Amino acid sequence: MESPVFFKGFLAGLILCAPFGPIGVLAVRRMLTEGRLTAFLSLMGASTGDAVYCALAGLGIHAVPVFVTHEREALQLLVGSLFVLLGIHIFLSRPPIKTVKPHAKGLFGAFTGIFLLVLANPLPILLFAAVFTALGVPGWGVDPFSTLCVVGGVFLGSAAWTPIIVAGIPLLRIEPHKAHVRSLNHLTGALMTAFGIVFAGMGLLS
């Protein structure tokens, strides 16, 4: 494995894919209401989505980003609207009386739900295309091994936040009381709605 390229991809994933926005808050909410395993799979779903877009960026460093750039306004409006609807749903949702025990269907939904939410926003392809350009990796068609190193590094860099968050949040000693979960619902919903409005507005005004 080309270690320098891999570790640079890892750093790119660690920095560019840090779950400090709506996705991270949503994962924290799930941890309080559904447990660590659900939060873990949610964050891994986000990391997998990041890796998919990184792999797609490697298909055509110039062609794919050009398409995304041309359709940026429509994509921002669509993604922004999705986040607004999801934010309102979370804001109005009622907190469970007690922590829900995860089951197979719920765990699968936790992974796929955030995975699809990440895929709903293809704009990160532009960032990953810039990563390939900065690293001098031409993509799958010319150098598939180096491209695989970059994609693997980005995935592991993004996934590195998962154990940090899953292990770190319980240290805050936030108990899943009904009042706490209600407040977190409001915070998560408000954050996702605000993000969606700003994101959609940027698409309309650009």
Foldseek 3Di string as FASTA:
>chain_A
DPVVLLQLLLVCLQPVQAPPALLLLVLLLCCQAANLLLSLLLLLLLLVLLLVLLQVCLVALPPVLVVCVVCVLVLLQQLLVVLLVVLVCLLPDAGDQHRHYDDDVSSVCSNVVNNVNNNSRSNCSNVSSVSCVVVVNNHCVPDVVSSVSSSNSSSNSSSVVSVVSSVPVCVVVDHSHRVSSSVSSNVSSVRSNVSSVVSNVVSVVD
